[in-house]
C-alpha atoms as a PDB file:
ATOM      1  CA  MET A   1      -0.235 -54.326 -31.440  1.00  0.00           C
ATOM      2  CA  SER A   2      -1.116 -54.008 -34.489  1.00  0.00           C
ATOM      3  CA  LYS A   3       0.844 -52.408 -37.539  1.00  0.00           C
ATOM      4  CA  ARG A   4       0.886 -48.669 -38.028  1.00  0.00           C
ATOM      5  CA  VAL A   5      -2.872 -47.992 -39.794  1.00  0.00           C
ATOM      6  CA  SER A   6      -3.088 -46.913 -43.558  1.00  0.00           C
ATOM      7  CA  TYR A   7      -6.338 -45.779 -43.315  1.00  0.00           C
ATOM      8  CA  GLN A   8      -4.937 -41.753 -41.957  1.00  0.00           C
ATOM      9  CA  ALA A   9      -4.992 -39.361 -44.413  1.00  0.00           C
ATOM     10  CA  GLU A  10      -1.480 -37.478 -44.196  1.00  0.00           C
ATOM     11  CA  ASN A  11      -0.799 -35.048 -41.901  1.00  0.00           C
ATOM     12  CA  ALA A  12      -3.743 -35.427 -40.012  1.00  0.00           C
ATOM     13  CA  PRO A  13      -5.169 -33.511 -36.576  1.00  0.00           C
ATOM     14  CA  CYS A  14      -5.173 -35.730 -33.454  1.00  0.00           C
ATOM     15  CA  VAL A  15      -7.789 -36.198 -31.254  1.00  0.00           C
ATOM     16  CA  ILE A  16      -7.488 -35.695 -28.042  1.00  0.00           C
ATOM     17  CA  LEU A  17     -10.256 -36.825 -25.083  1.00  0.00           C
ATOM     18  CA  VAL A  18     -10.137 -35.135 -21.722  1.00  0.00           C
ATOM     19  CA  ARG A  19     -11.467 -36.869 -18.336  1.00  0.00           C
ATOM     20  CA  SER A  20     -13.198 -38.989 -20.561  1.00  0.00           C
ATOM     21  CA  GLN A  21     -15.661 -41.694 -18.293  1.00  0.00           C
ATOM     22  CA  MET A  22     -17.036 -44.137 -20.350  1.00  0.00           C
ATOM     23  CA  ALA A  23     -15.192 -46.926 -21.920  1.00  0.00           C
ATOM     24  CA  GLU A  24     -17.858 -47.208 -24.533  1.00  0.00           C
ATOM     25  CA  ASN A  25     -18.265 -43.661 -25.502  1.00  0.00           C
ATOM     26  CA  ILE A  26     -13.632 -44.123 -26.682  1.00  0.00           C
ATOM     27  CA  GLY A  27     -14.465 -47.225 -28.547  1.00  0.00           C
ATOM     28  CA  MET A  28     -17.226 -45.449 -30.108  1.00  0.00           C
ATOM     29  CA  VAL A  29     -15.056 -41.906 -30.878  1.00  0.00           C
ATOM     30  CA  ALA A  30     -12.254 -44.700 -32.538  1.00  0.00           C
ATOM     31  CA  ARG A  31     -15.272 -46.295 -34.695  1.00  0.00           C
ATOM     32  CA  ALA A  32     -15.965 -42.673 -35.908  1.00  0.00           C
ATOM     33  CA  MET A  33     -11.732 -41.563 -36.526  1.00  0.00           C
ATOM     34  CA  MET A  34     -12.112 -44.784 -38.336  1.00  0.00           C
ATOM     35  CA  ASN A  35     -15.169 -43.777 -40.670  1.00  0.00           C
ATOM     36  CA  CYS A  36     -13.443 -39.790 -41.232  1.00  0.00           C
ATOM     37  CA  MET A  37      -9.896 -41.126 -41.838  1.00  0.00           C
ATOM     38  CA  LEU A  38      -8.127 -40.145 -38.220  1.00  0.00           C
ATOM     39  CA  SER A  39      -6.205 -42.495 -36.169  1.00  0.00           C
ATOM     40  CA  ASP A  40      -4.410 -40.398 -33.514  1.00  0.00           C
ATOM     41  CA  LEU A  41      -6.408 -40.394 -30.514  1.00  0.00           C
ATOM     42  CA  ARG A  42      -4.735 -39.581 -27.000  1.00  0.00           C
ATOM     43  CA  LEU A  43      -6.736 -39.743 -23.809  1.00  0.00           C
ATOM     44  CA  VAL A  44      -6.253 -37.703 -20.708  1.00  0.00           C
ATOM     45  CA  CYS A  45      -7.134 -38.939 -17.426  1.00  0.00           C
ATOM     46  CA  PRO A  46      -9.537 -41.074 -18.420  1.00  0.00           C
ATOM     47  CA  ARG A  47     -12.262 -42.929 -15.900  1.00  0.00           C
ATOM     48  CA  GLU A  48     -12.155 -46.686 -17.697  1.00  0.00           C
ATOM     49  CA  SER A  49      -9.771 -48.183 -19.958  1.00  0.00           C
ATOM     50  CA  HIS A  50      -9.700 -47.348 -23.595  1.00  0.00           C
ATOM     51  CA  LEU A  51      -8.278 -51.493 -24.012  1.00  0.00           C
ATOM     52  CA  SER A  52     -11.451 -52.947 -22.079  1.00  0.00           C
ATOM     53  CA  ASP A  53     -13.691 -55.196 -23.749  1.00  0.00           C
ATOM     54  CA  LYS A  54     -16.691 -52.665 -23.536  1.00  0.00           C
ATOM     55  CA  ALA A  55     -14.056 -50.096 -25.206  1.00  0.00           C
ATOM     56  CA  ILE A  56     -13.231 -52.652 -28.171  1.00  0.00           C
ATOM     57  CA  SER A  57     -16.943 -54.110 -28.827  1.00  0.00           C
ATOM     58  CA  ALA A  58     -18.280 -50.404 -29.159  1.00  0.00           C
ATOM     59  CA  SER A  59     -15.467 -49.451 -31.673  1.00  0.00           C
ATOM     60  CA  SER A  60     -16.565 -51.813 -34.274  1.00  0.00           C
ATOM     61  CA  GLY A  61     -13.524 -52.888 -36.016  1.00  0.00           C
ATOM     62  CA  ALA A  62     -12.066 -49.758 -35.124  1.00  0.00           C
ATOM     63  CA  GLN A  63      -9.330 -51.788 -32.201  1.00  0.00           C
ATOM     64  CA  THR A  64      -6.373 -50.742 -33.949  1.00  0.00           C
ATOM     65  CA  ILE A  65      -6.929 -47.134 -33.043  1.00  0.00           C
ATOM     66  CA  LEU A  66      -7.460 -48.248 -29.507  1.00  0.00           C
ATOM     67  CA  GLU A  67      -4.397 -50.430 -29.526  1.00  0.00           C
ATOM     68  CA  GLN A  68      -2.526 -47.543 -30.703  1.00  0.00           C
ATOM     69  CA  ALA A  69      -3.998 -44.590 -28.452  1.00  0.00           C
ATOM     70  CA  THR A  70      -1.730 -42.618 -25.912  1.00  0.00           C
ATOM     71  CA  VAL A  71      -2.514 -42.244 -22.243  1.00  0.00           C
ATOM     72  CA  TYR A  72      -1.763 -39.082 -20.562  1.00  0.00           C
ATOM     73  CA  ASP A  73      -1.862 -37.494 -17.131  1.00  0.00           C
ATOM     74  CA  SER A  74      -2.223 -34.075 -18.213  1.00  0.00           C
ATOM     75  CA  LEU A  75      -3.612 -31.830 -20.751  1.00  0.00           C
ATOM     76  CA  SER A  76      -0.103 -30.246 -20.712  1.00  0.00           C
ATOM     77  CA  ASP A  77       1.931 -33.324 -21.575  1.00  0.00           C
ATOM     78  CA  ALA A  78      -0.446 -34.331 -24.399  1.00  0.00           C
ATOM     79  CA  MET A  79      -0.256 -31.144 -26.487  1.00  0.00           C
ATOM     80  CA  ALA A  80       3.050 -30.680 -25.612  1.00  0.00           C
ATOM     81  CA  ASP A  81       3.964 -31.304 -29.198  1.00  0.00           C
ATOM     82  CA  ILE A  82       0.958 -29.245 -30.625  1.00  0.00           C
ATOM     83  CA  HIS A  83       0.810 -26.149 -32.445  1.00  0.00           C
ATOM     84  CA  PHE A  84      -2.523 -25.686 -32.931  1.00  0.00           C
ATOM     85  CA  ALA A  85      -5.625 -26.586 -31.203  1.00  0.00           C
ATOM     86  CA  LEU A  86      -8.993 -25.798 -31.236  1.00  0.00           C
ATOM     87  CA  ALA A  87     -11.636 -26.939 -28.730  1.00  0.00           C
ATOM     88  CA  THR A  88     -15.290 -27.907 -28.694  1.00  0.00           C
ATOM     89  CA  THR A  89     -17.664 -26.287 -26.159  1.00  0.00           C
ATOM     90  CA  ALA A  90     -21.830 -25.841 -26.144  1.00  0.00           C
ATOM     91  CA  ARG A  91     -21.356 -23.564 -23.430  1.00  0.00           C
ATOM     92  CA  PRO A  92     -20.145 -19.694 -23.399  1.00  0.00           C
ATOM     93  CA  ARG A  93     -16.894 -19.372 -21.526  1.00  0.00           C
ATOM     94  CA  ASP A  94     -15.575 -16.042 -19.802  1.00  0.00           C
ATOM     95  CA  MET A  95     -12.641 -15.532 -22.118  1.00  0.00           C
ATOM     96  CA  THR A  96     -11.519 -13.797 -24.749  1.00  0.00           C
ATOM     97  CA  LYS A  97     -11.008 -16.554 -27.569  1.00  0.00           C
ATOM     98  CA  PRO A  98     -12.610 -16.986 -31.239  1.00  0.00           C
ATOM     99  CA  VAL A  99     -15.350 -18.886 -31.838  1.00  0.00           C
ATOM    100  CA  TYR A 100     -15.628 -20.715 -34.824  1.00  0.00           C
ATOM    101  CA  HIS A 101     -18.073 -22.874 -37.087  1.00  0.00           C
ATOM    102  CA  PRO A 102     -17.278 -26.395 -37.683  1.00  0.00           C
ATOM    103  CA  GLU A 103     -16.417 -25.887 -41.658  1.00  0.00           C
ATOM    104  CA  LYS A 104     -14.704 -22.727 -40.872  1.00  0.00           C
ATOM    105  CA  ALA A 105     -12.909 -24.583 -37.519  1.00  0.00           C
ATOM    106  CA  ILE A 106     -11.352 -27.506 -40.317  1.00  0.00           C
ATOM    107  CA  HIS A 107      -9.796 -25.122 -42.998  1.00  0.00           C
ATOM    108  CA  LEU A 108      -8.101 -23.498 -40.509  1.00  0.00           C
ATOM    109  CA  LEU A 109      -6.744 -26.963 -39.375  1.00  0.00           C
ATOM    110  CA  ALA A 110      -6.169 -28.021 -43.234  1.00  0.00           C
ATOM    111  CA  ASP A 111      -4.543 -24.968 -43.460  1.00  0.00           C
ATOM    112  CA  ARG A 112      -1.559 -26.400 -40.966  1.00  0.00           C
ATOM    113  CA  VAL A 113      -1.510 -29.569 -41.238  1.00  0.00           C
ATOM    114  CA  ASN A 114       1.346 -29.522 -43.376  1.00  0.00           C
ATOM    115  CA  HIS A 115       3.435 -27.938 -41.069  1.00  0.00           C
ATOM    116  CA  GLN A 116       2.134 -27.904 -37.541  1.00  0.00           C
ATOM    117  CA  LYS A 117       1.170 -30.652 -35.434  1.00  0.00           C
ATOM    118  CA  THR A 118      -3.005 -29.842 -35.003  1.00  0.00           C
ATOM    119  CA  ALA A 119      -5.499 -30.706 -32.576  1.00  0.00           C
ATOM    120  CA  LEU A 120      -9.277 -31.345 -31.716  1.00  0.00           C
ATOM    121  CA  LEU A 121     -10.253 -31.359 -28.302  1.00  0.00           C
ATOM    122  CA  PHE A 122     -13.352 -32.952 -26.486  1.00  0.00           C
ATOM    123  CA  GLY A 123     -13.891 -32.240 -22.389  1.00  0.00           C
ATOM    124  CA  ALA A 124     -15.605 -35.251 -20.672  1.00  0.00           C
ATOM    125  CA  GLU A 125     -19.400 -36.703 -21.380  1.00  0.00           C
ATOM    126  CA  ARG A 126     -21.022 -34.307 -18.407  1.00  0.00           C
ATOM    127  CA  THR A 127     -18.974 -31.192 -17.795  1.00  0.00           C
ATOM    128  CA  GLY A 128     -16.964 -30.586 -21.000  1.00  0.00           C
ATOM    129  CA  LEU A 129     -13.878 -28.451 -20.674  1.00  0.00           C
ATOM    130  CA  GLU A 130     -13.195 -26.709 -18.259  1.00  0.00           C
ATOM    131  CA  ASN A 131     -11.658 -22.933 -18.546  1.00  0.00           C
ATOM    132  CA  ASP A 132      -8.197 -24.231 -17.472  1.00  0.00           C
ATOM    133  CA  GLU A 133      -7.927 -26.912 -20.583  1.00  0.00           C
ATOM    134  CA  LEU A 134      -9.979 -24.188 -22.586  1.00  0.00           C
ATOM    135  CA  VAL A 135      -7.150 -21.893 -21.837  1.00  0.00           C
ATOM    136  CA  MET A 136      -4.721 -24.106 -24.087  1.00  0.00           C
ATOM    137  CA  ALA A 137      -6.960 -24.233 -27.012  1.00  0.00           C
ATOM    138  CA  ASP A 138      -6.151 -21.246 -29.672  1.00  0.00           C
ATOM    139  CA  GLY A 139      -9.828 -21.094 -31.007  1.00  0.00           C
ATOM    140  CA  ILE A 140     -13.690 -22.570 -29.577  1.00  0.00           C
ATOM    141  CA  VAL A 141     -15.370 -24.431 -32.244  1.00  0.00           C
ATOM    142  CA  GLU A 142     -19.307 -24.427 -31.643  1.00  0.00           C
ATOM    143  CA  ILE A 143     -21.558 -26.989 -33.386  1.00  0.00           C
ATOM    144  CA  PRO A 144     -24.535 -24.908 -33.808  1.00  0.00           C
ATOM    145  CA  LEU A 145     -27.792 -27.401 -33.232  1.00  0.00           C
ATOM    146  CA  ASN A 146     -31.364 -26.819 -32.009  1.00  0.00           C
ATOM    147  CA  PRO A 147     -31.263 -24.721 -29.183  1.00  0.00           C
ATOM    148  CA  VAL A 148     -33.863 -26.368 -27.651  1.00  0.00           C
ATOM    149  CA  HIS A 149     -32.432 -29.460 -27.627  1.00  0.00           C
ATOM    150  CA  CYS A 150     -28.496 -29.237 -28.223  1.00  0.00           C
ATOM    151  CA  SER A 151     -27.031 -31.812 -26.316  1.00  0.00           C
ATOM    152  CA  LEU A 152     -24.220 -34.083 -28.277  1.00  0.00           C
ATOM    153  CA  ASN A 153     -22.852 -37.920 -27.263  1.00  0.00           C
ATOM    154  CA  LEU A 154     -19.350 -37.743 -27.181  1.00  0.00           C
ATOM    155  CA  SER A 155     -18.813 -39.880 -30.033  1.00  0.00           C
ATOM    156  CA  GLN A 156     -21.122 -37.614 -32.279  1.00  0.00           C
ATOM    157  CA  ALA A 157     -19.030 -34.673 -31.613  1.00  0.00           C
ATOM    158  CA  VAL A 158     -16.148 -36.183 -33.033  1.00  0.00           C
ATOM    159  CA  LEU A 159     -17.692 -37.580 -35.493  1.00  0.00           C
ATOM    160  CA  LEU A 160     -19.248 -34.617 -36.806  1.00  0.00           C
ATOM    161  CA  MET A 161     -15.544 -32.922 -36.976  1.00  0.00           C
ATOM    162  CA  GLY A 162     -14.316 -35.986 -38.413  1.00  0.00           C
ATOM    163  CA  TYR A 163     -16.400 -35.792 -41.008  1.00  0.00           C
ATOM    164  CA  GLU A 164     -16.182 -31.867 -41.752  1.00  0.00           C
ATOM    165  CA  TRP A 165     -12.746 -32.833 -42.272  1.00  0.00           C
ATOM    166  CA  PHE A 166     -12.843 -36.213 -44.109  1.00  0.00           C
ATOM    167  CA  LYS A 167     -15.035 -33.662 -46.724  1.00  0.00           C
ATOM    168  CA  TYR A 168     -12.695 -31.033 -46.684  1.00  0.00           C
ATOM    169  CA  ARG A 169      -9.573 -33.670 -47.698  1.00  0.00           C
ATOM    170  CA  HIS A 170     -11.869 -34.477 -50.280  1.00  0.00           C
ATOM    171  CA  ASP A 171     -12.565 -32.047 -52.269  1.00  0.00           C
ATOM    172  CA  HIS A 172      -9.680 -29.891 -51.977  1.00  0.00           C
ATOM    173  CA  ASP A 173      -5.865 -29.880 -52.558  1.00  0.00           C
ATOM    174  CA  ASN A 174      -3.223 -29.819 -49.934  1.00  0.00           C
ATOM    175  CA  SER A 175      -2.988 -25.859 -50.093  1.00  0.00           C
ATOM    176  CA  HIS A 176      -1.458 -24.576 -47.547  1.00  0.00           C
ATOM    177  CA  PHE A 177      -0.187 -21.391 -45.344  1.00  0.00           C
ATOM    178  CA  ALA A 178       3.126 -20.215 -45.970  1.00  0.00           C
ATOM    179  CA  THR A 179       5.579 -18.811 -42.970  1.00  0.00           C
ATOM    180  CA  GLY A 180       8.442 -18.095 -44.908  1.00  0.00           C
ATOM    181  CA  GLY A 181      10.446 -20.845 -43.367  1.00  0.00           C
ATOM    182  CA  ALA A 182       9.527 -19.575 -39.991  1.00  0.00           C
ATOM    183  CA  ALA A 183       8.745 -23.164 -37.178  1.00  0.00           C
ATOM    184  CA  PRO A 184       5.873 -22.598 -35.413  1.00  0.00           C
ATOM    185  CA  ALA A 185       6.164 -22.716 -31.805  1.00  0.00           C
ATOM    186  CA  ASN A 186       4.470 -25.760 -29.823  1.00  0.00           C
ATOM    187  CA  LYS A 187       2.153 -26.095 -26.797  1.00  0.00           C
ATOM    188  CA  ARG A 188       5.577 -26.652 -24.673  1.00  0.00           C
ATOM    189  CA  GLU A 189       7.433 -23.966 -25.849  1.00  0.00           C
ATOM    190  CA  LEU A 190       4.508 -21.707 -25.061  1.00  0.00           C
ATOM    191  CA  GLU A 191       4.021 -23.021 -21.714  1.00  0.00           C
ATOM    192  CA  ALA A 192       7.743 -22.374 -21.128  1.00  0.00           C
ATOM    193  CA  LEU A 193       7.194 -18.476 -22.065  1.00  0.00           C
ATOM    194  CA  PHE A 194       3.673 -18.013 -19.951  1.00  0.00           C
ATOM    195  CA  ALA A 195       5.764 -19.739 -17.075  1.00  0.00           C
ATOM    196  CA  HIS A 196       8.456 -17.079 -17.469  1.00  0.00           C
ATOM    197  CA  TRP A 197       6.627 -14.179 -17.898  1.00  0.00           C
ATOM    198  CA  GLU A 198       4.342 -15.047 -14.617  1.00  0.00           C
ATOM    199  CA  GLU A 199       7.136 -15.498 -12.727  1.00  0.00           C
ATOM    200  CA  GLU A 200       8.567 -12.276 -13.760  1.00  0.00           C
ATOM    201  CA  LEU A 201       5.713 -10.862 -12.990  1.00  0.00           C
ATOM    202  CA  ASP A 202       4.895 -12.428  -9.554  1.00  0.00           C
ATOM    203  CA  LYS A 203       7.951 -10.979  -8.112  1.00  0.00           C
ATOM    204  CA  ARG A 204       6.762  -7.523  -9.131  1.00  0.00           C
ATOM    205  CA  GLY A 205       3.557  -7.915  -8.142  1.00  0.00           C
ATOM    206  CA  TYR A 206       1.327  -7.726 -10.919  1.00  0.00           C
ATOM    207  CA  PHE A 207      -0.796 -10.740  -9.795  1.00  0.00           C
ATOM    208  CA  ARG A 208      -1.798  -8.619  -6.343  1.00  0.00           C
ATOM    209  CA  PHE A 209      -5.099  -9.696  -6.390  1.00  0.00           C
ATOM    210  CA  PRO A 210      -5.216 -13.344  -5.349  1.00  0.00           C
ATOM    211  CA  ASP A 211      -8.962 -13.284  -6.272  1.00  0.00           C
ATOM    212  CA  LYS A 212      -8.134 -12.375  -9.819  1.00  0.00           C
ATOM    213  CA  ARG A 213      -5.048 -13.819 -10.090  1.00  0.00           C
ATOM    214  CA  GLU A 214      -6.376 -17.309 -11.992  1.00  0.00           C
ATOM    215  CA  ARG A 215      -8.160 -14.889 -14.537  1.00  0.00           C
ATOM    216  CA  MET A 216      -5.045 -12.536 -15.095  1.00  0.00           C
ATOM    217  CA  GLN A 217      -3.227 -15.687 -16.075  1.00  0.00           C
ATOM    218  CA  ARG A 218      -5.572 -17.111 -18.421  1.00  0.00           C
ATOM    219  CA  ASN A 219      -6.077 -13.050 -20.033  1.00  0.00           C
ATOM    220  CA  LEU A 220      -2.006 -13.318 -20.835  1.00  0.00           C
ATOM    221  CA  ARG A 221      -2.185 -16.674 -22.021  1.00  0.00           C
ATOM    222  CA  ASN A 222      -5.252 -16.092 -24.276  1.00  0.00           C
ATOM    223  CA  ILE A 223      -3.160 -13.373 -25.788  1.00  0.00           C
ATOM    224  CA  PHE A 224       0.118 -14.790 -26.593  1.00  0.00           C
ATOM    225  CA  THR A 225      -2.088 -18.413 -27.769  1.00  0.00           C
ATOM    226  CA  ARG A 226      -4.350 -16.034 -30.603  1.00  0.00           C
ATOM    227  CA  THR A 227      -1.500 -14.843 -32.217  1.00  0.00           C
ATOM    228  CA  GLY A 228       0.422 -17.898 -33.533  1.00  0.00           C
ATOM    229  CA  LEU A 229       3.603 -17.062 -32.328  1.00  0.00           C
ATOM    230  CA  THR A 230       7.144 -19.140 -34.233  1.00  0.00           C
ATOM    231  CA  GLN A 231       9.849 -20.485 -32.111  1.00  0.00           C
ATOM    232  CA  ALA A 232      11.788 -17.117 -33.095  1.00  0.00           C
ATOM    233  CA  GLU A 233       9.470 -15.400 -31.758  1.00  0.00           C
ATOM    234  CA  VAL A 234       9.182 -16.866 -28.128  1.00  0.00           C
ATOM    235  CA  LYS A 235      12.906 -16.507 -27.739  1.00  0.00           C
ATOM    236  CA  THR A 236      12.385 -13.014 -28.662  1.00  0.00           C
ATOM    237  CA  LEU A 237       9.779 -12.587 -26.162  1.00  0.00           C
ATOM    238  CA  HIS A 238      12.016 -14.549 -23.502  1.00  0.00           C
ATOM    239  CA  GLY A 239      14.611 -12.187 -24.600  1.00  0.00           C
ATOM    240  CA  VAL A 240      12.185  -9.326 -23.626  1.00  0.00           C
ATOM    241  CA  VAL A 241      11.549 -10.426 -20.170  1.00  0.00           C
ATOM    242  CA  THR A 242      15.145 -11.192 -19.551  1.00  0.00           C
ATOM    243  CA  ASP A 243      16.316  -7.192 -20.390  1.00  0.00           C
ATOM    244  CA  LEU A 244      13.569  -5.584 -18.924  1.00  0.00           C
ATOM    245  CA  ILE A 245      14.409  -7.349 -15.118  1.00  0.00           C
ATOM    246  CA  ARG A 246      18.542  -6.803 -15.926  1.00  0.00           C
ATOM    247  CA  PRO A 247      19.461  -3.843 -14.108  1.00  0.00           C
ATOM    248  CA  GLU A 248      20.200  -0.716 -15.454  1.00  0.00           C
ATOM    249  CA  GLN A 249      24.010  -0.666 -16.377  1.00  0.00           C
ATOM    250  CA  GLU A 250      25.617   3.176 -15.093  1.00  0.00           C
END
């Protein structure tokens, strides 16, 4: 195993590939990441090994990133320590999410990296990210290209976002968003909050229409992921639910 890489910019976002299908593409993503001083690669249910000969050959010298990549069984596990994530997609989605141009998206990440763990999400080569995966992101990035032919290879998408990151960090100082000392909630804490709310709402018949249940759950989660909750705010919302279900004292 290689020593920890020294070419990553401090506090850079991680790159999460969801259901990637081809080892060559994973290798080319590693190459693009090293070009742009990114090193934290996370793989969710890859179809082929990121340590295969095909992946290593395609990485063209970025083997260290592949060796240090982590593999997860679910996107929830891969994002457990993430506070803020942006997902790339070329298709419009039936949900309420802020949509950003790549440059603006990178500005949002740069404002947070000094005090939060951030991530860029990329879906499978053919199908992209599913709605249940997109709902975990805090926003969507759409890369504007020729509308007649806007298809991108996975590594091209990573390179475009990585280059925006590299440019920004090269041209700007380490300015950051003031939080007043409040620690941001990570995705594990948000998932626990969602589960708490959904459990109690389910008991009271809120999800009484089976055909609308998934959309209602996504809408509820979108409300909270858009707000950038802190750990203290998550605890407050847990307390709100607990008090609402407590029997009234006579």
